[in-house]
Each structure stands twice: as structure tokens, then as C-alpha cells.
Protein backbone atom coordinates (compact mmCIF):
# COMPACT_ATOMS: atom_id res chain seq x y z
CA UNK A 1 0.00 0.00 0.00
CA UNK A 2 1.40 3.38 -0.97
CA UNK A 3 1.83 5.51 2.13
CA UNK A 4 1.21 8.71 0.19
CA UNK A 5 -2.49 7.96 -0.22
CA UNK A 6 -4.09 7.96 3.22
CA UNK A 7 -7.79 8.32 2.50
CA UNK A 8 -9.45 4.91 2.20
CA UNK A 9 -6.80 2.98 4.16
CA UNK A 10 -7.47 1.02 7.33
CA UNK A 11 -4.74 0.70 9.98
CA UNK A 12 -5.30 -1.81 12.75
CA UNK A 13 -4.55 -0.59 16.28
CA UNK A 14 -5.84 -1.45 19.73
CA UNK A 15 -7.32 1.95 20.57
CA UNK A 16 -10.56 3.40 21.92
CA UNK A 17 -11.39 4.88 18.52
CA UNK A 18 -10.99 1.49 16.82
CA UNK A 19 -13.30 -0.09 19.41
CA UNK A 20 -16.10 2.38 18.71
CA UNK A 21 -19.02 1.10 16.67
CA UNK A 22 -18.75 2.02 12.99
CA UNK A 23 -22.26 3.52 13.13
CA UNK A 24 -21.14 5.84 15.92
CA UNK A 25 -18.17 7.06 13.89
CA UNK A 26 -20.26 7.74 10.79
CA UNK A 27 -22.95 9.58 12.78
CA UNK A 28 -20.30 11.67 14.56
CA UNK A 29 -18.66 12.48 11.21
CA UNK A 30 -21.98 13.62 9.72
CA UNK A 31 -22.72 15.76 12.79
CA UNK A 32 -19.23 17.27 12.60
CA UNK A 33 -19.55 18.12 8.90
CA UNK A 34 -22.96 19.75 9.37
CA UNK A 35 -21.89 21.55 12.56
CA UNK A 36 -18.82 23.08 10.93
CA UNK A 37 -21.02 24.85 8.38
CA UNK A 38 -23.49 25.96 11.07
CA UNK A 39 -20.79 27.77 13.04
CA UNK A 40 -21.33 31.54 12.76
CA UNK A 41 -18.90 33.16 10.37
CA UNK A 42 -15.56 34.18 11.91
CA UNK A 43 -16.42 32.68 15.32
CA UNK A 44 -13.01 31.16 16.01
CA UNK A 45 -13.88 30.15 19.57
CA UNK A 46 -16.57 27.67 18.47
CA UNK A 47 -14.40 26.58 15.53
CA UNK A 48 -11.55 25.90 17.98
CA UNK A 49 -13.88 23.75 20.11
CA UNK A 50 -14.94 21.89 16.95
CA UNK A 51 -11.27 21.34 16.05
CA UNK A 52 -10.50 19.90 19.49
CA UNK A 53 -12.96 17.00 18.96
CA UNK A 54 -11.18 15.40 15.94
CA UNK A 55 -7.81 16.17 17.53
CA UNK A 56 -8.82 14.07 20.54
CA UNK A 57 -9.76 11.29 18.10
CA UNK A 58 -6.36 11.60 16.40
CA UNK A 59 -4.55 11.23 19.75
CA UNK A 60 -6.69 8.33 20.97
CA UNK A 61 -6.41 6.43 17.66
CA UNK A 62 -2.69 5.72 18.32
CA UNK A 63 -1.99 6.20 14.61
CA UNK A 64 1.13 8.10 13.56
CA UNK A 65 0.54 11.83 13.16
CA UNK A 66 2.43 11.57 9.86
CA UNK A 67 -0.59 9.80 8.35
CA UNK A 68 -2.84 12.71 9.21
CA UNK A 69 -0.34 15.26 7.93
CA UNK A 70 -0.22 13.38 4.62
CA UNK A 71 -4.01 13.52 4.35
CA UNK A 72 -3.83 17.30 4.87
CA UNK A 73 -1.03 17.55 2.31
CA UNK A 74 -3.22 15.94 -0.35
CA UNK A 75 -5.69 18.85 -0.18
CA UNK A 76 -3.14 21.57 0.65
CA UNK A 77 -3.19 23.12 -2.83
CA UNK A 78 -7.00 23.46 -2.84
CA UNK A 79 -6.93 24.91 0.70
CA UNK A 80 -4.16 27.34 -0.24
CA UNK A 81 -6.01 28.44 -3.38
CA UNK A 82 -9.23 28.99 -1.39
CA UNK A 83 -7.35 31.00 1.25
CA UNK A 84 -5.66 33.24 -1.33
CA UNK A 85 -8.96 33.72 -3.18
CA UNK A 86 -10.67 34.83 0.05
CA UNK A 87 -7.71 37.06 0.85
CA UNK A 88 -7.78 39.00 -2.42
CA UNK A 89 -11.53 39.00 -3.10
CA UNK A 90 -12.83 40.10 0.30
CA UNK A 91 -12.90 43.82 1.01
CA UNK A 92 -13.76 45.68 4.18
CA UNK A 93 -12.96 48.68 6.33
CA UNK A 94 -9.75 47.48 8.00
CA UNK A 95 -6.91 47.72 5.49
CA UNK A 96 -3.81 45.73 6.49
CA UNK A 97 -1.59 45.93 3.40
CA UNK A 98 -1.82 48.45 0.58
CA UNK A 99 0.41 47.15 -2.17
CA UNK A 100 0.48 49.02 -5.50
CA UNK A 101 1.62 46.78 -8.37
CA UNK A 102 3.50 48.92 -10.89
CA UNK A 103 3.92 47.15 -14.22
CA UNK A 104 6.95 48.05 -16.31
CA UNK A 105 8.54 46.10 -19.13
CA UNK A 106 11.63 45.24 -17.04
CA UNK A 107 9.59 44.11 -14.01
CA UNK A 108 7.41 41.85 -16.14
CA UNK A 109 10.46 40.39 -17.93
CA UNK A 110 12.26 39.59 -14.65
CA UNK A 111 9.19 37.96 -13.09
CA UNK A 112 8.55 35.89 -16.23
CA UNK A 113 12.18 34.69 -16.25
CA UNK A 114 11.94 33.67 -12.58
CA UNK A 115 8.72 31.72 -13.18
CA UNK A 116 10.13 30.00 -16.27
CA UNK A 117 13.16 28.98 -14.21
CA UNK A 118 10.86 27.67 -11.46
CA UNK A 119 8.88 25.48 -13.88
CA UNK A 120 12.11 24.12 -15.36
CA UNK A 121 13.55 23.21 -11.94
CA UNK A 122 10.35 22.30 -10.08
CA UNK A 123 10.86 18.54 -10.47
CA UNK A 124 14.01 18.93 -8.33
CA UNK A 125 12.19 20.94 -5.64
CA UNK A 126 10.97 18.99 -2.59
CA UNK A 127 8.46 21.41 -1.01
CA UNK A 128 6.77 22.50 -4.23
CA UNK A 129 3.68 24.09 -2.68
CA UNK A 130 5.71 26.09 -0.16
CA UNK A 131 8.11 27.30 -2.86
CA UNK A 132 5.19 28.16 -5.15
CA UNK A 133 3.56 30.22 -2.38
CA UNK A 134 6.78 32.08 -1.52
CA UNK A 135 7.45 32.81 -5.18
CA UNK A 136 3.90 34.04 -5.73
CA UNK A 137 4.07 36.42 -2.75
CA UNK A 138 7.53 37.62 -3.80
CA UNK A 139 6.30 38.30 -7.35
CA UNK A 140 3.40 40.41 -6.09
CA UNK A 141 5.70 42.35 -3.76
CA UNK A 142 8.33 42.80 -6.50
CA UNK A 143 5.92 44.80 -8.64
CA UNK A 144 5.73 47.35 -5.83
CA UNK A 145 9.06 48.81 -6.96
CA UNK A 146 9.36 49.77 -10.65
CA UNK A 147 13.01 49.10 -11.58
CA UNK A 148 13.33 50.83 -14.91
CA UNK A 149 11.10 52.27 -17.57
CA UNK A 150 7.68 53.83 -17.70
CA UNK A 151 4.90 52.47 -15.52
CA UNK A 152 2.10 51.71 -17.98
CA UNK A 153 -0.30 50.10 -15.50
CA UNK A 154 -0.84 50.26 -11.73
CA UNK A 155 -3.06 47.81 -9.85
CA UNK A 156 -3.66 48.03 -6.12
CA UNK A 157 -3.36 44.66 -4.43
CA UNK A 158 -4.96 45.42 -1.08
CA UNK A 159 -5.35 42.98 1.79
CA UNK A 160 -8.06 43.61 4.35
CA UNK A 161 -8.44 42.18 7.82
CA UNK A 162 -11.83 40.76 6.81
CA UNK A 163 -10.23 38.76 3.97
CA UNK A 164 -7.54 37.37 6.28
CA UNK A 165 -10.15 36.37 8.86
CA UNK A 166 -12.51 34.77 6.30
CA UNK A 167 -9.64 32.84 4.69
CA UNK A 168 -8.35 31.55 8.03
CA UNK A 169 -11.86 30.50 9.05
CA UNK A 170 -12.29 28.57 5.79
CA UNK A 171 -8.98 26.76 6.34
CA UNK A 172 -10.08 25.84 9.88
CA UNK A 173 -13.33 24.37 8.56
CA UNK A 174 -11.49 22.23 6.02
CA UNK A 175 -9.03 20.97 8.67
CA UNK A 176 -11.88 19.86 10.93
CA UNK A 177 -13.58 17.92 8.12
CA UNK A 178 -10.35 16.32 6.84
CA UNK A 179 -9.18 15.23 10.30
CA UNK A 180 -12.61 13.79 11.19
CA UNK A 181 -13.03 11.89 7.90
CA UNK A 182 -9.43 10.60 7.93
CA UNK A 183 -9.84 9.34 11.49
CA UNK A 184 -12.98 7.45 10.49
CA UNK A 185 -11.45 5.72 7.44
CA UNK A 186 -8.17 4.87 9.20
CA UNK A 187 -9.93 3.25 12.18
CA UNK A 188 -12.88 1.49 10.50
CA UNK A 189 -12.78 -1.86 8.70
CA UNK A 190 -14.36 -1.99 5.22
CA UNK A 191 -16.93 -4.61 6.26
CA UNK A 192 -17.87 -2.63 9.37
CA UNK A 193 -18.31 0.51 7.30
CA UNK A 194 -20.53 -1.33 4.81
CA UNK A 195 -22.71 -2.75 7.58
CA UNK A 196 -22.93 0.63 9.29
CA UNK A 197 -23.97 2.45 6.11
CA UNK A 198 -26.56 -0.25 5.42
CA UNK A 199 -27.97 0.13 8.95
CA UNK A 200 -28.13 3.93 8.68
CA UNK A 201 -29.92 3.71 5.32
CA UNK A 202 -32.42 1.12 6.59
CA UNK A 203 -35.40 3.57 6.46
CA UNK A 204 -34.99 3.79 2.68
CA UNK A 205 -36.16 0.18 2.40
CA UNK A 206 -39.68 1.49 3.10
CA UNK A 207 -39.63 2.99 -0.40
CA UNK A 208 -38.20 -0.22 -1.95
CA UNK A 209 -34.55 0.90 -2.16
CA UNK A 210 -32.01 -1.89 -1.70
CA UNK A 211 -29.78 -0.29 0.92
CA UNK A 212 -27.40 -3.26 1.08
CA UNK A 213 -26.42 -2.77 -2.57
CA UNK A 214 -26.00 0.98 -2.10
CA UNK A 215 -23.88 0.48 1.03
CA UNK A 216 -21.67 -2.04 -0.75
CA UNK A 217 -21.17 0.38 -3.66
CA UNK A 218 -20.07 3.17 -1.30
CA UNK A 219 -17.70 0.89 0.59
CA UNK A 220 -16.09 -0.48 -2.59
CA UNK A 221 -15.73 3.03 -4.01
CA UNK A 222 -14.00 4.30 -0.85
CA UNK A 223 -11.60 1.36 -0.70
CA UNK A 224 -10.80 1.62 -4.42
CA UNK A 225 -9.27 5.09 -4.03
CA UNK A 226 -5.89 3.99 -2.56
CA UNK A 227 -5.78 0.98 -4.89
CA UNK A 228 -6.19 3.14 -8.01
CA UNK A 229 -3.69 5.62 -6.61
CA UNK A 230 -1.11 2.85 -6.22
CA UNK A 231 -1.76 1.59 -9.74
CA UNK A 232 -1.32 5.12 -11.10
CA UNK A 233 2.04 5.44 -9.34
CA UNK A 234 3.11 2.06 -10.69
CA UNK A 235 2.23 3.08 -14.26
CA UNK A 236 3.98 6.45 -13.83
CA UNK A 237 7.16 4.70 -12.69
CA UNK A 238 6.93 2.24 -15.59
CA UNK A 239 6.49 5.12 -18.05
CA UNK A 240 9.38 7.03 -16.44
CA UNK A 241 11.65 3.98 -16.84
CA UNK A 242 10.88 4.18 -20.57
CA UNK A 243 11.92 7.84 -20.70
CA UNK A 244 8.50 9.50 -20.45
CA UNK A 245 8.45 12.77 -18.46
CA UNK A 246 4.96 14.10 -17.74
CA UNK A 247 6.35 17.49 -16.66
CA UNK A 248 8.11 18.28 -19.91
CA UNK A 249 7.13 18.76 -23.52
CA UNK A 250 4.60 20.93 -25.30
CA UNK A 251 0.92 20.98 -24.43
CA UNK A 252 -0.14 18.51 -27.13
CA UNK A 253 2.74 16.19 -26.15
CA UNK A 254 1.67 16.25 -22.49
CA UNK A 255 -1.91 15.51 -23.58
CA UNK A 256 -0.66 12.44 -25.46
CA UNK A 257 1.32 11.33 -22.40
CA UNK A 258 -1.78 11.66 -20.21
CA UNK A 259 -3.71 9.46 -22.65
CA UNK A 260 -0.95 6.84 -22.34
CA UNK A 261 -1.65 6.93 -18.59
CA UNK A 262 -5.46 6.93 -18.77
CA UNK A 263 -5.82 3.95 -21.11
CA UNK A 264 -3.96 1.42 -18.89
CA UNK A 265 -5.71 2.89 -15.83
CA UNK A 266 -9.08 2.28 -17.48
CA UNK A 267 -8.10 -1.29 -18.44
CA UNK A 268 -6.79 -2.02 -14.92
CA UNK A 269 -9.99 -0.64 -13.35
CA UNK A 270 -12.16 -2.92 -15.51
CA UNK A 271 -9.92 -5.91 -14.78
CA UNK A 272 -10.01 -5.30 -11.01
CA UNK A 273 -13.78 -4.84 -11.11
CA UNK A 274 -14.15 -8.19 -12.90
CA UNK A 275 -11.83 -9.91 -10.40
CA UNK A 276 -13.78 -8.43 -7.49
CA UNK A 277 -17.09 -9.52 -9.02
CA UNK A 278 -15.76 -13.07 -9.50
CA UNK A 279 -14.46 -13.19 -5.92
CA UNK A 280 -17.78 -11.96 -4.49
CA UNK A 281 -19.72 -14.44 -6.61
CA UNK A 282 -17.42 -17.30 -5.54
CA UNK A 283 -18.14 -16.43 -1.91
CA UNK A 284 -21.87 -16.62 -2.49
CA UNK A 285 -22.66 -12.90 -2.51
CA UNK A 286 -26.13 -12.23 -3.93
CA UNK A 287 -27.11 -8.55 -4.33
CA UNK A 288 -30.11 -7.66 -2.20
CA UNK A 289 -30.30 -11.04 -0.46
CA UNK A 290 -30.57 -11.32 3.32
CA UNK A 291 -27.21 -12.00 4.91
CA UNK A 292 -26.15 -13.21 8.33
CA UNK A 293 -23.22 -11.63 10.16
CA UNK A 294 -20.49 -13.31 12.16
CA UNK A 295 -20.21 -10.33 14.52
CA UNK A 296 -23.38 -8.39 15.29
CA UNK A 297 -23.15 -4.64 15.60
CA UNK A 298 -23.84 -3.47 19.12
CA UNK A 299 -23.62 -0.06 20.73
CA UNK A 300 -21.49 0.03 23.88
CA UNK A 301 -21.41 2.48 26.79
CA UNK A 302 -18.67 4.55 25.13
CA UNK A 303 -20.75 4.81 21.95
CA UNK A 304 -23.78 6.09 23.86
CA UNK A 305 -21.68 8.63 25.76
CA UNK A 306 -20.07 9.98 22.59
CA UNK A 307 -23.38 10.15 20.70
CA UNK A 308 -25.13 11.94 23.58
CA UNK A 309 -22.30 14.49 23.90
CA UNK A 310 -22.21 15.14 20.14
CA UNK A 311 -26.01 15.43 19.88
CA UNK A 312 -26.10 17.87 22.81
CA UNK A 313 -23.41 20.04 21.20
CA UNK A 314 -25.24 19.86 17.87
CA UNK A 315 -28.56 20.90 19.45
CA UNK A 316 -26.87 23.79 21.29
CA UNK A 317 -25.37 24.95 18.00
CA UNK A 318 -28.76 24.75 16.26
CA UNK A 319 -30.44 26.72 19.07
CA UNK A 320 -27.72 29.36 18.90
CA UNK A 321 -28.09 29.57 15.13
CA UNK A 322 -31.86 30.04 15.53
CA UNK A 323 -31.28 32.95 17.92
CA UNK A 324 -32.37 31.28 21.16
CA UNK A 325 -29.14 32.59 22.72
CA UNK A 326 -26.17 34.56 21.45
CA UNK A 327 -23.16 32.69 20.06
């Protein structure tokens, strides 16, 4: 299993989080995801309390913190882009930085040369996202000082306190969701997750929906993510050993290289799906049929305590959102 892909993996440990019922973990995750978006905007106190809950789960799971950092790394570019977008698009009354960008021919030429050099050398850079961020900030700041020539365009790149606060709040929300979802997948067996989803969707059987099939589809889809990721890495290494570099070449050449990656990925996906179908059929799996379970799901005292605490916090948040009391 490739350690770079964390989402979808299960790591066995003897911890309190692993001993929790899978239904409890899914319910808590749903409550966490809904609660995060119910938190009043820019209320960092409540967001901090919400962040403490998955952090406690991370500590009690006894899983290496490196795994969680890798899960955050996988979405770091999207989070960074969202933060920067909030930073530059949100205006307000409290101006923090007033940065005039003065465009001259020399300034533009120097910045273009630096960026071209970065894209040439980026495959040798270890912390690509950090270097990209530093270079982006430096480029914006560089235009503040016209080196030589006539300034033919001036744009004011202003940063307001409101934009900084909104961006930080958005990052905090994403961290809460990522930590909670990663904790659930790392500490829950695939079969337990399937049974839990099926149990939670049980009411849909009243309208003739086969919840067992739907639950199995979700479970297989989640567990296929790291498998496909590993296969992609294997194909990339095989292509690299044949001299293919996906970071070089013209646009149409890179498009052709991507096709050479997608075709074997598609074939492998079909082959694995057929193998999985044969294995399930050989073990007597019949879609929609009633199945017995070796281990019956059962809520324990710890499950009830956690659910009661989470439901109480959720209700308090709802009441505060409705204006029953100030939050």
C-alpha cells in the first residue's frame, strides 16, 4: 500500500477509537460536517472547540501523526487556493496591506524569467507548494518597486483584515472535516463501514430501495481510491523507466502522455472490477439477499456517551443559530 495515499486505508490498532461502533463514527462524522457549516462566520472560539474534537480522536487512535499530515497535504493546494482567493476577493474597512503593483517592461520580464526557471527546476524541488507560495508572494511584492522604464499600469493589491479572517476561518473548517473523515477511514474496517452504512440507510427500504447494494457500492468506491492511486504510481514509474516525463514537452505532447496513462488505468480498473465480481460471486454474494453476520453490531457504553455528547453540542449549536441565545 502506498503511504502517500491515506484516504481509504485502514490501519489496525488497539485503541478506543478502533473499538467504537462504525455507526457511531459515521454519525459523529456527519454531525461534525454539518456543525462546521453551522458555526457563525468568523467565530473562532466555536471553531476551535470543533477542532478539538477530531484532535482528541487523532490522539486516541494511536496512529502516527504523519498519516494525518499526509491527508492534509493531499488537499493543501485546494486549501491554499481557497485561502488566497478569500484574501484577495474580500474587502472591508480594516486595510492591512496596501500594495500598488506597478507594471513596467523590465519588471514583467524579470518575473517571467523567474517563473520559467521555477517550472524548469520544479521537479528537483521537494516542497513544491511552499516554494510556489513564496514565489507568488515575492512576485506580487516585487511589482511594488518599478526598476526601470515607464509604468504603464498600476493595480492596487490590497489585503483587508476581513479577507484574512474569512480565509483563516475557511482553512479551519477544512481541517476539521479532513481530520474527522481521515480518522474514520483509518480506524474502520471496510466490512464494518458497509454494515454501518446499510444500517443507517435502513429507512430507505420502506420505499423499496435496496440499501445493502447501495452500502456495498459506497464501501467499494472508498476502498478503491488507494488501490487506483497505487496503480497510477506504478504506471507512472513504468512510463518514467521508458523515458516519459509528464512534466516536460509541449501541451499537445503532455496531452498524449496523459492518454498513455489513462488507457492502462481504465483497463486495470475494468480488470479489477471483474476480479472483485468473480471473488464476491465465488463467496456466495447475492445482491439484495438477506445475509447473516459473524459479529453483530452493538452499541457500547462509550458509543452512547459519545453520541449523547455530540447530539447535545449539535442541538446547542442549532439553538444558537436560531437565535435562542447569542453565540
